[in-house]
Each structure stands twice: as C-alpha cells, then as structure tokens.
N, C-alpha and C. Protein backbone atom coordinates (compact mmCIF):
# COMPACT_ATOMS: atom_id res chain seq x y z
N MET A 1 0.83 -1.18 0.00
CA MET A 1 0.00 0.00 0.00
C MET A 1 0.88 1.25 0.00
N ARG A 2 1.99 1.17 0.71
CA ARG A 2 2.90 2.31 0.79
C ARG A 2 3.49 2.65 -0.57
N SER A 3 3.87 1.62 -1.34
CA SER A 3 4.46 1.88 -2.65
C SER A 3 3.43 2.48 -3.60
N LEU A 4 2.16 2.12 -3.46
CA LEU A 4 1.11 2.71 -4.29
C LEU A 4 0.96 4.20 -3.98
N ALA A 5 1.01 4.57 -2.73
CA ALA A 5 0.93 5.98 -2.33
C ALA A 5 2.15 6.75 -2.83
N ALA A 6 3.31 6.14 -2.75
CA ALA A 6 4.53 6.79 -3.24
C ALA A 6 4.47 6.99 -4.75
N LEU A 7 3.94 6.01 -5.45
CA LEU A 7 3.80 6.12 -6.90
C LEU A 7 2.82 7.24 -7.27
N ALA A 8 1.71 7.33 -6.56
CA ALA A 8 0.73 8.40 -6.80
C ALA A 8 1.34 9.77 -6.54
N LEU A 9 2.12 9.88 -5.47
CA LEU A 9 2.77 11.14 -5.15
C LEU A 9 3.78 11.51 -6.24
N ALA A 10 4.55 10.56 -6.69
CA ALA A 10 5.54 10.82 -7.74
C ALA A 10 4.85 11.28 -9.02
N ALA A 11 3.73 10.67 -9.38
CA ALA A 11 3.00 11.06 -10.57
C ALA A 11 2.45 12.47 -10.42
N ALA A 12 1.94 12.80 -9.25
CA ALA A 12 1.40 14.14 -9.01
C ALA A 12 2.50 15.20 -9.09
N LEU A 13 3.66 14.88 -8.60
CA LEU A 13 4.77 15.82 -8.65
C LEU A 13 5.30 15.99 -10.07
N ALA A 14 5.25 14.93 -10.86
CA ALA A 14 5.75 14.99 -12.23
C ALA A 14 4.80 15.76 -13.14
N ALA A 15 3.52 15.72 -12.89
CA ALA A 15 2.54 16.37 -13.76
C ALA A 15 2.78 17.87 -13.92
N PRO A 16 3.01 18.64 -12.85
CA PRO A 16 3.23 20.07 -13.04
C PRO A 16 4.48 20.36 -13.87
N ALA A 17 5.52 19.57 -13.74
CA ALA A 17 6.74 19.80 -14.51
C ALA A 17 6.46 19.64 -15.99
N TYR A 18 5.64 18.65 -16.36
CA TYR A 18 5.30 18.43 -17.76
C TYR A 18 4.47 19.60 -18.29
N ALA A 19 3.57 20.09 -17.47
CA ALA A 19 2.69 21.19 -17.88
C ALA A 19 3.48 22.48 -18.11
N GLU A 20 4.65 22.59 -17.52
CA GLU A 20 5.44 23.81 -17.64
C GLU A 20 6.33 23.85 -18.88
N VAL A 21 6.29 22.82 -19.71
CA VAL A 21 7.08 22.81 -20.93
C VAL A 21 6.51 23.87 -21.87
N PRO A 22 7.32 24.86 -22.28
CA PRO A 22 6.80 25.91 -23.16
C PRO A 22 6.37 25.33 -24.51
N GLU A 23 5.27 25.84 -25.03
CA GLU A 23 4.71 25.36 -26.29
C GLU A 23 4.83 26.44 -27.35
N PHE A 24 5.24 26.02 -28.55
CA PHE A 24 5.38 26.91 -29.70
C PHE A 24 4.64 26.27 -30.87
N THR A 25 3.96 27.09 -31.66
CA THR A 25 3.16 26.56 -32.76
C THR A 25 3.79 26.87 -34.10
N LEU A 26 3.87 25.84 -34.93
CA LEU A 26 4.25 25.95 -36.34
C LEU A 26 3.03 25.55 -37.15
N THR A 27 2.71 26.30 -38.19
CA THR A 27 1.59 25.95 -39.05
C THR A 27 2.10 25.65 -40.45
N ILE A 28 1.60 24.58 -41.02
CA ILE A 28 1.90 24.24 -42.41
C ILE A 28 0.70 24.74 -43.23
N ARG A 29 0.97 25.69 -44.12
CA ARG A 29 -0.08 26.26 -44.96
C ARG A 29 0.51 26.48 -46.36
N ASP A 30 -0.18 25.99 -47.37
CA ASP A 30 0.30 26.10 -48.75
C ASP A 30 1.70 25.49 -48.89
N HIS A 31 1.91 24.39 -48.19
CA HIS A 31 3.17 23.63 -48.23
C HIS A 31 4.37 24.45 -47.77
N ARG A 32 4.13 25.34 -46.80
CA ARG A 32 5.19 26.15 -46.19
C ARG A 32 4.98 26.17 -44.68
N PHE A 33 6.08 26.31 -43.95
CA PHE A 33 6.00 26.45 -42.50
C PHE A 33 5.84 27.92 -42.15
N GLU A 34 4.92 28.20 -41.23
CA GLU A 34 4.71 29.56 -40.72
C GLU A 34 4.79 29.50 -39.20
N PRO A 35 5.68 30.24 -38.57
CA PRO A 35 6.72 31.05 -39.20
C PRO A 35 7.84 30.16 -39.74
N ALA A 36 8.58 30.68 -40.69
CA ALA A 36 9.70 29.93 -41.27
C ALA A 36 10.88 29.88 -40.30
N GLU A 37 10.95 30.85 -39.39
CA GLU A 37 11.97 30.86 -38.34
C GLU A 37 11.26 31.01 -37.00
N LEU A 38 11.55 30.09 -36.11
CA LEU A 38 10.91 30.07 -34.80
C LEU A 38 12.00 30.09 -33.73
N THR A 39 11.94 31.05 -32.82
CA THR A 39 12.93 31.16 -31.75
C THR A 39 12.40 30.54 -30.48
N VAL A 40 13.24 29.66 -29.88
CA VAL A 40 12.88 28.98 -28.64
C VAL A 40 14.04 29.12 -27.65
N PRO A 41 13.78 28.93 -26.35
CA PRO A 41 14.85 29.10 -25.36
C PRO A 41 15.83 27.93 -25.34
N ALA A 42 17.09 28.26 -25.11
CA ALA A 42 18.13 27.24 -24.97
C ALA A 42 18.04 26.59 -23.60
N GLY A 43 18.50 25.36 -23.53
CA GLY A 43 18.65 24.69 -22.24
C GLY A 43 17.38 24.14 -21.63
N GLN A 44 16.29 24.11 -22.37
CA GLN A 44 15.08 23.51 -21.82
C GLN A 44 14.28 22.80 -22.90
N LYS A 45 13.54 21.81 -22.46
CA LYS A 45 12.68 21.05 -23.35
C LYS A 45 11.54 21.95 -23.81
N VAL A 46 11.15 21.84 -25.10
CA VAL A 46 10.03 22.61 -25.62
C VAL A 46 9.11 21.68 -26.41
N LYS A 47 7.86 22.11 -26.51
CA LYS A 47 6.85 21.38 -27.26
C LYS A 47 6.53 22.17 -28.52
N LEU A 48 6.72 21.54 -29.66
CA LEU A 48 6.34 22.15 -30.93
C LEU A 48 4.99 21.57 -31.33
N LYS A 49 3.98 22.42 -31.40
CA LYS A 49 2.68 21.98 -31.90
C LYS A 49 2.69 22.31 -33.39
N VAL A 50 2.67 21.27 -34.22
CA VAL A 50 2.72 21.45 -35.67
C VAL A 50 1.31 21.24 -36.20
N VAL A 51 0.72 22.31 -36.72
CA VAL A 51 -0.64 22.29 -37.25
C VAL A 51 -0.56 22.24 -38.77
N ASN A 52 -1.11 21.20 -39.35
CA ASN A 52 -1.14 21.09 -40.81
C ASN A 52 -2.49 21.60 -41.31
N ALA A 53 -2.51 22.82 -41.82
CA ALA A 53 -3.73 23.43 -42.34
C ALA A 53 -4.00 23.05 -43.79
N ASP A 54 -3.10 22.31 -44.39
CA ASP A 54 -3.30 21.84 -45.76
C ASP A 54 -4.14 20.56 -45.76
N ALA A 55 -4.74 20.24 -46.89
CA ALA A 55 -5.55 19.03 -47.01
C ALA A 55 -4.70 17.77 -47.14
N SER A 56 -3.46 17.93 -47.61
CA SER A 56 -2.58 16.78 -47.80
C SER A 56 -1.59 16.65 -46.64
N ALA A 57 -1.10 15.45 -46.45
CA ALA A 57 -0.14 15.17 -45.38
C ALA A 57 1.19 15.86 -45.66
N GLU A 58 1.91 16.15 -44.58
CA GLU A 58 3.27 16.69 -44.67
C GLU A 58 4.08 16.06 -43.55
N GLU A 59 5.37 15.99 -43.76
CA GLU A 59 6.25 15.42 -42.75
C GLU A 59 7.15 16.50 -42.17
N PHE A 60 7.16 16.61 -40.85
CA PHE A 60 8.13 17.46 -40.17
C PHE A 60 9.37 16.62 -40.00
N GLU A 61 10.48 17.06 -40.57
CA GLU A 61 11.72 16.29 -40.47
C GLU A 61 12.90 17.20 -40.19
N SER A 62 13.78 16.73 -39.32
CA SER A 62 15.01 17.45 -39.03
C SER A 62 16.07 16.45 -38.62
N HIS A 63 17.13 16.39 -39.40
CA HIS A 63 18.25 15.52 -39.06
C HIS A 63 18.95 16.03 -37.81
N GLU A 64 19.08 17.35 -37.70
CA GLU A 64 19.77 17.96 -36.56
C GLU A 64 19.01 17.76 -35.25
N LEU A 65 17.68 17.76 -35.33
CA LEU A 65 16.86 17.54 -34.13
C LEU A 65 16.54 16.06 -33.90
N ASN A 66 16.90 15.23 -34.88
CA ASN A 66 16.62 13.80 -34.82
C ASN A 66 15.12 13.53 -34.66
N ARG A 67 14.33 14.23 -35.47
CA ARG A 67 12.87 14.09 -35.41
C ARG A 67 12.31 13.89 -36.81
N GLU A 68 11.28 13.08 -36.89
CA GLU A 68 10.59 12.80 -38.15
C GLU A 68 9.16 12.41 -37.80
N LYS A 69 8.19 13.18 -38.30
CA LYS A 69 6.80 12.93 -37.94
C LYS A 69 5.90 13.33 -39.10
N VAL A 70 5.07 12.40 -39.56
CA VAL A 70 4.08 12.69 -40.59
C VAL A 70 2.85 13.27 -39.90
N ILE A 71 2.39 14.41 -40.43
CA ILE A 71 1.19 15.05 -39.90
C ILE A 71 0.13 15.00 -41.01
N PRO A 72 -0.93 14.22 -40.80
CA PRO A 72 -1.98 14.14 -41.82
C PRO A 72 -2.58 15.51 -42.10
N GLY A 73 -3.23 15.64 -43.26
CA GLY A 73 -3.88 16.90 -43.61
C GLY A 73 -4.95 17.28 -42.60
N ASN A 74 -5.09 18.58 -42.37
CA ASN A 74 -6.09 19.13 -41.45
C ASN A 74 -6.03 18.50 -40.06
N SER A 75 -4.82 18.34 -39.55
CA SER A 75 -4.63 17.82 -38.20
C SER A 75 -3.37 18.42 -37.59
N SER A 76 -3.04 17.99 -36.39
CA SER A 76 -1.84 18.53 -35.73
C SER A 76 -1.14 17.41 -34.98
N ALA A 77 0.10 17.70 -34.61
CA ALA A 77 0.91 16.76 -33.84
C ALA A 77 1.81 17.55 -32.91
N ASN A 78 2.15 16.94 -31.79
CA ASN A 78 3.09 17.54 -30.85
C ASN A 78 4.43 16.86 -30.97
N ILE A 79 5.48 17.66 -31.03
CA ILE A 79 6.84 17.15 -31.14
C ILE A 79 7.66 17.80 -30.04
N PHE A 80 8.26 16.99 -29.18
CA PHE A 80 9.08 17.51 -28.10
C PHE A 80 10.54 17.48 -28.52
N VAL A 81 11.25 18.56 -28.25
CA VAL A 81 12.68 18.64 -28.54
C VAL A 81 13.39 19.28 -27.35
N GLY A 82 14.67 19.00 -27.26
CA GLY A 82 15.48 19.65 -26.24
C GLY A 82 15.65 18.82 -25.00
N PRO A 83 16.38 19.42 -24.08
CA PRO A 83 16.99 20.76 -24.13
C PRO A 83 18.07 20.85 -25.21
N LEU A 84 18.13 22.01 -25.84
CA LEU A 84 19.05 22.24 -26.94
C LEU A 84 20.05 23.33 -26.60
N GLU A 85 21.23 23.22 -27.19
CA GLU A 85 22.24 24.27 -27.07
C GLU A 85 21.88 25.38 -28.05
N ALA A 86 22.35 26.58 -27.79
CA ALA A 86 22.11 27.71 -28.68
C ALA A 86 22.61 27.36 -30.08
N GLY A 87 21.87 27.77 -31.07
CA GLY A 87 22.24 27.50 -32.45
C GLY A 87 21.03 27.50 -33.35
N THR A 88 21.24 27.10 -34.59
CA THR A 88 20.17 27.04 -35.58
C THR A 88 20.00 25.60 -36.04
N TYR A 89 18.76 25.13 -36.01
CA TYR A 89 18.43 23.76 -36.34
C TYR A 89 17.41 23.76 -37.47
N PRO A 90 17.85 23.42 -38.70
CA PRO A 90 16.92 23.43 -39.83
C PRO A 90 15.93 22.26 -39.75
N PHE A 91 14.73 22.49 -40.32
CA PHE A 91 13.74 21.44 -40.48
C PHE A 91 13.08 21.63 -41.83
N PHE A 92 12.40 20.58 -42.31
CA PHE A 92 11.75 20.66 -43.61
C PHE A 92 10.59 19.68 -43.67
N GLY A 93 9.75 19.88 -44.67
CA GLY A 93 8.68 18.94 -44.96
C GLY A 93 9.12 18.07 -46.11
N GLU A 94 9.30 16.80 -45.85
CA GLU A 94 9.87 15.93 -46.88
C GLU A 94 8.98 15.81 -48.12
N PHE A 95 7.67 15.93 -47.97
CA PHE A 95 6.77 15.77 -49.11
C PHE A 95 6.79 16.99 -50.04
N HIS A 96 7.19 18.15 -49.53
CA HIS A 96 7.31 19.38 -50.32
C HIS A 96 8.59 20.11 -49.90
N ALA A 97 9.71 19.43 -50.03
CA ALA A 97 10.99 19.95 -49.55
C ALA A 97 11.41 21.23 -50.25
N ASP A 98 10.89 21.48 -51.44
CA ASP A 98 11.26 22.71 -52.14
C ASP A 98 10.66 23.95 -51.51
N THR A 99 9.51 23.84 -50.84
CA THR A 99 8.87 25.00 -50.21
C THR A 99 8.74 24.90 -48.69
N ALA A 100 8.58 23.70 -48.17
CA ALA A 100 8.36 23.53 -46.72
C ALA A 100 9.70 23.44 -46.01
N GLN A 101 10.25 24.60 -45.69
CA GLN A 101 11.54 24.67 -45.01
C GLN A 101 11.47 25.68 -43.88
N GLY A 102 12.23 25.42 -42.83
CA GLY A 102 12.25 26.35 -41.72
C GLY A 102 13.47 26.14 -40.85
N LYS A 103 13.57 27.00 -39.82
CA LYS A 103 14.70 26.93 -38.89
C LYS A 103 14.19 27.13 -37.47
N LEU A 104 14.68 26.32 -36.58
CA LEU A 104 14.45 26.52 -35.15
C LEU A 104 15.68 27.24 -34.63
N ILE A 105 15.50 28.46 -34.15
CA ILE A 105 16.62 29.26 -33.64
C ILE A 105 16.56 29.18 -32.13
N VAL A 106 17.64 28.67 -31.56
CA VAL A 106 17.70 28.45 -30.11
C VAL A 106 18.62 29.49 -29.51
N LYS A 107 18.07 30.28 -28.57
CA LYS A 107 18.85 31.34 -27.91
C LYS A 107 18.76 31.18 -26.41
C-alpha cells in the first residue's frame, strides 16, 4: 500500500513539470512552414505543436533535431525537442521539400 501511495505522489509531482514545458506553434499552410523561423529558449525542453492546415499530409523532419513525424492533412501533432544548445536547427517537410523549409533558432 505504501508503494502505491509513493507512486501516486511521484505522478502528481511529475505532472506540473510536464505542464510547464513551453509550447510553440508551427503551421503548415500552402506547403510552407509559418513562421519559417521560430525562436525557442536554450537549455530547456520545448513542445512544438505542428498544425497542418493543408488538405494533404506533410512530414516534419530534421536531421539535426533527430525528429521525423508525418502530420496528416487538417490535423496537428506535438513534437518535443530539447533541451538544446544555442544554435540554428533546420527542419523541412519531406513531401514538399522545395517550399516547406524552416529553422528553429535556439537562444
């Protein structure tokens, strides 16, 4: 019974920390990322909410961030990254790589 109470306490303590992860939104519209450059804080985990406003699927991909996620048309997905060091991390949409390009700027 004691371990169950300890587990419940640990879960309750962990929940606020998860809720404090800053969220940033990227929108895919007309096969482009908006904004094309997004600035996020260095040294902490962040949540990227990627909203695909197009009817067709697009993939958020970044070799530097080690992330790859297909977002169906007219839907969204959450992608967690970090903590990251200061710098610029490019990302792109693999299905429309000629137009769907962007940069995550970490400061």
